[in-house]
Amino acid sequence: MGELSSTAPTEVLDTLGRVCPYPLVLTKKAIEKLKGGDIIKVLCDAPASAEDTIPRWAQKLGYGFESKKLEDKGYWELYIQKK
């Protein structure tokens, strides 16, 4: 278990069933409301968003990022820590 996923998130965002670009758009809106250091857990089942657009966006902004793929459930848990 990683550092971010072992910490209770400030907010959980469910984007299950949404296709690109909506998971990223919803994540951006949700993280705007958080304070520095807060962690959001994003539930995402869109491979392009979970493996590409959201991680690249978080990295570009210097946010902490961790991804856990839950094979048995068919989605990812993405942990993002606002800087």
N, C-alpha and C. Protein backbone atom coordinates (compact mmCIF):
# COMPACT_ATOMS: atom_id res chain seq x y z
N MET A 1 0.83 -1.18 0.00
CA MET A 1 0.00 0.00 0.00
C MET A 1 0.88 1.24 0.00
N GLY A 2 0.52 2.22 -0.80
CA GLY A 2 1.31 3.42 -0.91
C GLY A 2 0.99 4.44 0.17
N GLU A 3 1.74 5.50 0.16
CA GLU A 3 1.57 6.54 1.16
C GLU A 3 0.22 7.24 1.04
N LEU A 4 -0.18 7.61 -0.16
CA LEU A 4 -1.44 8.33 -0.33
C LEU A 4 -2.65 7.44 -0.08
N SER A 5 -2.60 6.20 -0.58
CA SER A 5 -3.75 5.31 -0.42
C SER A 5 -3.93 4.82 1.01
N SER A 6 -2.90 4.96 1.84
CA SER A 6 -3.03 4.54 3.23
C SER A 6 -3.54 5.68 4.11
N THR A 7 -3.76 6.86 3.53
CA THR A 7 -4.29 8.00 4.26
C THR A 7 -5.76 8.19 3.88
N ALA A 8 -6.58 8.51 4.88
CA ALA A 8 -8.00 8.72 4.59
C ALA A 8 -8.16 9.94 3.68
N PRO A 9 -8.85 9.78 2.55
CA PRO A 9 -9.01 10.91 1.64
C PRO A 9 -9.95 11.97 2.21
N THR A 10 -9.72 13.21 1.82
CA THR A 10 -10.59 14.31 2.21
C THR A 10 -11.92 14.19 1.49
N GLU A 11 -11.86 13.71 0.24
CA GLU A 11 -13.07 13.57 -0.58
C GLU A 11 -12.95 12.35 -1.47
N VAL A 12 -14.09 11.74 -1.80
CA VAL A 12 -14.14 10.63 -2.76
C VAL A 12 -15.01 11.08 -3.92
N LEU A 13 -14.47 10.93 -5.13
CA LEU A 13 -15.19 11.32 -6.34
C LEU A 13 -15.45 10.07 -7.18
N ASP A 14 -16.71 9.79 -7.44
CA ASP A 14 -17.10 8.62 -8.23
C ASP A 14 -17.35 9.04 -9.67
N THR A 15 -16.45 8.62 -10.58
CA THR A 15 -16.63 8.92 -12.00
C THR A 15 -16.94 7.65 -12.80
N LEU A 16 -17.35 6.60 -12.10
CA LEU A 16 -17.63 5.33 -12.76
C LEU A 16 -18.73 5.50 -13.81
N GLY A 17 -18.51 4.91 -14.97
CA GLY A 17 -19.47 5.00 -16.05
C GLY A 17 -19.29 6.22 -16.94
N ARG A 18 -18.37 7.11 -16.57
CA ARG A 18 -18.11 8.31 -17.37
C ARG A 18 -16.94 8.05 -18.30
N VAL A 19 -17.03 8.54 -19.53
CA VAL A 19 -15.93 8.37 -20.48
C VAL A 19 -15.15 9.67 -20.60
N CYS A 20 -13.94 9.54 -21.10
CA CYS A 20 -13.05 10.66 -21.31
C CYS A 20 -13.76 11.72 -22.15
N PRO A 21 -13.72 12.98 -21.79
CA PRO A 21 -12.85 13.64 -20.82
C PRO A 21 -13.51 13.88 -19.47
N TYR A 22 -14.71 13.36 -19.23
CA TYR A 22 -15.44 13.71 -18.01
C TYR A 22 -14.73 13.37 -16.71
N PRO A 23 -14.07 12.20 -16.57
CA PRO A 23 -13.37 11.96 -15.30
C PRO A 23 -12.34 13.05 -14.98
N LEU A 24 -11.60 13.51 -15.97
CA LEU A 24 -10.61 14.57 -15.74
C LEU A 24 -11.30 15.89 -15.41
N VAL A 25 -12.33 16.23 -16.14
CA VAL A 25 -13.05 17.48 -15.90
C VAL A 25 -13.63 17.50 -14.48
N LEU A 26 -14.26 16.41 -14.07
CA LEU A 26 -14.85 16.33 -12.73
C LEU A 26 -13.77 16.36 -11.65
N THR A 27 -12.62 15.71 -11.93
CA THR A 27 -11.52 15.71 -10.97
C THR A 27 -10.97 17.12 -10.79
N LYS A 28 -10.78 17.83 -11.89
CA LYS A 28 -10.29 19.22 -11.81
C LYS A 28 -11.22 20.09 -10.97
N LYS A 29 -12.53 19.97 -11.21
CA LYS A 29 -13.50 20.78 -10.46
C LYS A 29 -13.47 20.44 -8.97
N ALA A 30 -13.38 19.16 -8.67
CA ALA A 30 -13.39 18.73 -7.26
C ALA A 30 -12.12 19.19 -6.54
N ILE A 31 -10.97 19.10 -7.21
CA ILE A 31 -9.72 19.43 -6.54
C ILE A 31 -9.56 20.94 -6.33
N GLU A 32 -10.23 21.74 -7.16
CA GLU A 32 -10.22 23.20 -6.97
C GLU A 32 -10.74 23.59 -5.60
N LYS A 33 -11.67 22.81 -5.07
CA LYS A 33 -12.31 23.13 -3.79
C LYS A 33 -11.48 22.68 -2.58
N LEU A 34 -10.45 21.88 -2.83
CA LEU A 34 -9.65 21.35 -1.73
C LEU A 34 -8.53 22.31 -1.35
N LYS A 35 -8.02 22.13 -0.13
CA LYS A 35 -6.88 22.91 0.36
C LYS A 35 -5.60 22.14 0.06
N GLY A 36 -4.48 22.83 0.08
CA GLY A 36 -3.18 22.18 -0.10
C GLY A 36 -2.98 21.08 0.92
N GLY A 37 -2.51 19.94 0.47
CA GLY A 37 -2.30 18.79 1.35
C GLY A 37 -3.47 17.82 1.39
N ASP A 38 -4.65 18.28 0.97
CA ASP A 38 -5.82 17.41 0.95
C ASP A 38 -5.65 16.32 -0.11
N ILE A 39 -6.28 15.18 0.14
CA ILE A 39 -6.22 14.05 -0.79
C ILE A 39 -7.62 13.73 -1.28
N ILE A 40 -7.74 13.53 -2.60
CA ILE A 40 -8.99 13.09 -3.19
C ILE A 40 -8.79 11.69 -3.77
N LYS A 41 -9.78 10.84 -3.54
CA LYS A 41 -9.76 9.50 -4.14
C LYS A 41 -10.78 9.51 -5.27
N VAL A 42 -10.33 9.21 -6.48
CA VAL A 42 -11.19 9.20 -7.65
C VAL A 42 -11.41 7.76 -8.09
N LEU A 43 -12.66 7.35 -8.18
CA LEU A 43 -13.00 6.02 -8.69
C LEU A 43 -13.26 6.18 -10.18
N CYS A 44 -12.51 5.44 -10.99
CA CYS A 44 -12.56 5.64 -12.44
C CYS A 44 -12.47 4.30 -13.17
N ASP A 45 -13.38 4.09 -14.14
CA ASP A 45 -13.33 2.86 -14.93
C ASP A 45 -13.04 3.14 -16.41
N ALA A 46 -12.61 4.36 -16.71
CA ALA A 46 -12.23 4.73 -18.08
C ALA A 46 -10.71 4.60 -18.21
N PRO A 47 -10.22 3.57 -18.93
CA PRO A 47 -8.78 3.34 -19.01
C PRO A 47 -7.97 4.54 -19.47
N ALA A 48 -8.45 5.27 -20.48
CA ALA A 48 -7.69 6.43 -20.98
C ALA A 48 -7.53 7.49 -19.90
N SER A 49 -8.56 7.70 -19.10
CA SER A 49 -8.48 8.69 -18.02
C SER A 49 -7.59 8.20 -16.88
N ALA A 50 -7.79 6.95 -16.48
CA ALA A 50 -7.08 6.42 -15.32
C ALA A 50 -5.60 6.20 -15.57
N GLU A 51 -5.24 5.83 -16.80
CA GLU A 51 -3.85 5.50 -17.09
C GLU A 51 -3.09 6.60 -17.82
N ASP A 52 -3.79 7.61 -18.32
CA ASP A 52 -3.11 8.62 -19.13
C ASP A 52 -3.44 10.05 -18.72
N THR A 53 -4.66 10.51 -18.98
CA THR A 53 -4.95 11.93 -18.82
C THR A 53 -4.88 12.43 -17.38
N ILE A 54 -5.46 11.70 -16.44
CA ILE A 54 -5.43 12.16 -15.04
C ILE A 54 -4.02 12.08 -14.46
N PRO A 55 -3.27 10.98 -14.65
CA PRO A 55 -1.89 10.97 -14.13
C PRO A 55 -1.01 12.07 -14.74
N ARG A 56 -1.12 12.30 -16.06
CA ARG A 56 -0.31 13.34 -16.70
C ARG A 56 -0.67 14.73 -16.17
N TRP A 57 -1.95 14.98 -15.99
CA TRP A 57 -2.41 16.27 -15.45
C TRP A 57 -1.87 16.48 -14.04
N ALA A 58 -1.98 15.46 -13.19
CA ALA A 58 -1.51 15.57 -11.81
C ALA A 58 0.01 15.81 -11.77
N GLN A 59 0.74 15.09 -12.61
CA GLN A 59 2.19 15.25 -12.65
C GLN A 59 2.58 16.65 -13.12
N LYS A 60 1.87 17.15 -14.13
CA LYS A 60 2.16 18.47 -14.67
C LYS A 60 2.00 19.55 -13.60
N LEU A 61 1.03 19.38 -12.71
CA LEU A 61 0.78 20.35 -11.65
C LEU A 61 1.61 20.08 -10.40
N GLY A 62 2.37 18.99 -10.40
CA GLY A 62 3.21 18.67 -9.25
C GLY A 62 2.44 18.07 -8.08
N TYR A 63 1.26 17.54 -8.35
CA TYR A 63 0.45 16.92 -7.29
C TYR A 63 0.97 15.51 -7.01
N GLY A 64 0.80 15.07 -5.78
CA GLY A 64 1.10 13.68 -5.44
C GLY A 64 0.07 12.80 -6.15
N PHE A 65 0.51 11.66 -6.66
CA PHE A 65 -0.41 10.78 -7.39
C PHE A 65 -0.08 9.33 -7.12
N GLU A 66 -1.13 8.55 -6.96
CA GLU A 66 -0.98 7.10 -6.79
C GLU A 66 -2.18 6.43 -7.42
N SER A 67 -1.95 5.32 -8.09
CA SER A 67 -3.02 4.61 -8.77
C SER A 67 -3.05 3.16 -8.31
N LYS A 68 -4.25 2.66 -8.06
CA LYS A 68 -4.43 1.24 -7.72
C LYS A 68 -5.50 0.68 -8.64
N LYS A 69 -5.13 -0.31 -9.44
CA LYS A 69 -6.11 -0.96 -10.32
C LYS A 69 -6.73 -2.13 -9.57
N LEU A 70 -8.03 -2.10 -9.44
CA LEU A 70 -8.76 -3.16 -8.75
C LEU A 70 -9.32 -4.10 -9.82
N GLU A 71 -8.52 -5.08 -10.20
CA GLU A 71 -8.88 -6.01 -11.28
C GLU A 71 -10.23 -6.67 -11.05
N ASP A 72 -10.47 -7.08 -9.81
CA ASP A 72 -11.71 -7.80 -9.50
C ASP A 72 -12.95 -6.92 -9.62
N LYS A 73 -12.78 -5.60 -9.47
CA LYS A 73 -13.92 -4.69 -9.55
C LYS A 73 -14.00 -3.97 -10.91
N GLY A 74 -12.91 -4.01 -11.67
CA GLY A 74 -12.92 -3.41 -13.00
C GLY A 74 -12.75 -1.91 -13.03
N TYR A 75 -12.14 -1.35 -11.98
CA TYR A 75 -11.89 0.09 -11.98
C TYR A 75 -10.61 0.42 -11.21
N TRP A 76 -10.22 1.67 -11.29
CA TRP A 76 -9.03 2.17 -10.60
C TRP A 76 -9.45 3.07 -9.45
N GLU A 77 -8.61 3.10 -8.42
CA GLU A 77 -8.68 4.11 -7.38
C GLU A 77 -7.48 5.01 -7.61
N LEU A 78 -7.75 6.27 -7.88
CA LEU A 78 -6.68 7.24 -8.12
C LEU A 78 -6.63 8.18 -6.92
N TYR A 79 -5.47 8.29 -6.32
CA TYR A 79 -5.28 9.17 -5.17
C TYR A 79 -4.45 10.36 -5.61
N ILE A 80 -4.98 11.55 -5.40
CA ILE A 80 -4.29 12.77 -5.79
C ILE A 80 -4.20 13.68 -4.58
N GLN A 81 -2.98 14.15 -4.31
CA GLN A 81 -2.79 15.07 -3.19
C GLN A 81 -2.48 16.46 -3.75
N LYS A 82 -3.34 17.39 -3.40
CA LYS A 82 -3.16 18.77 -3.86
C LYS A 82 -1.94 19.36 -3.16
N LYS A 83 -1.15 20.12 -3.91
CA LYS A 83 0.03 20.73 -3.29
C LYS A 83 -0.29 22.07 -2.68
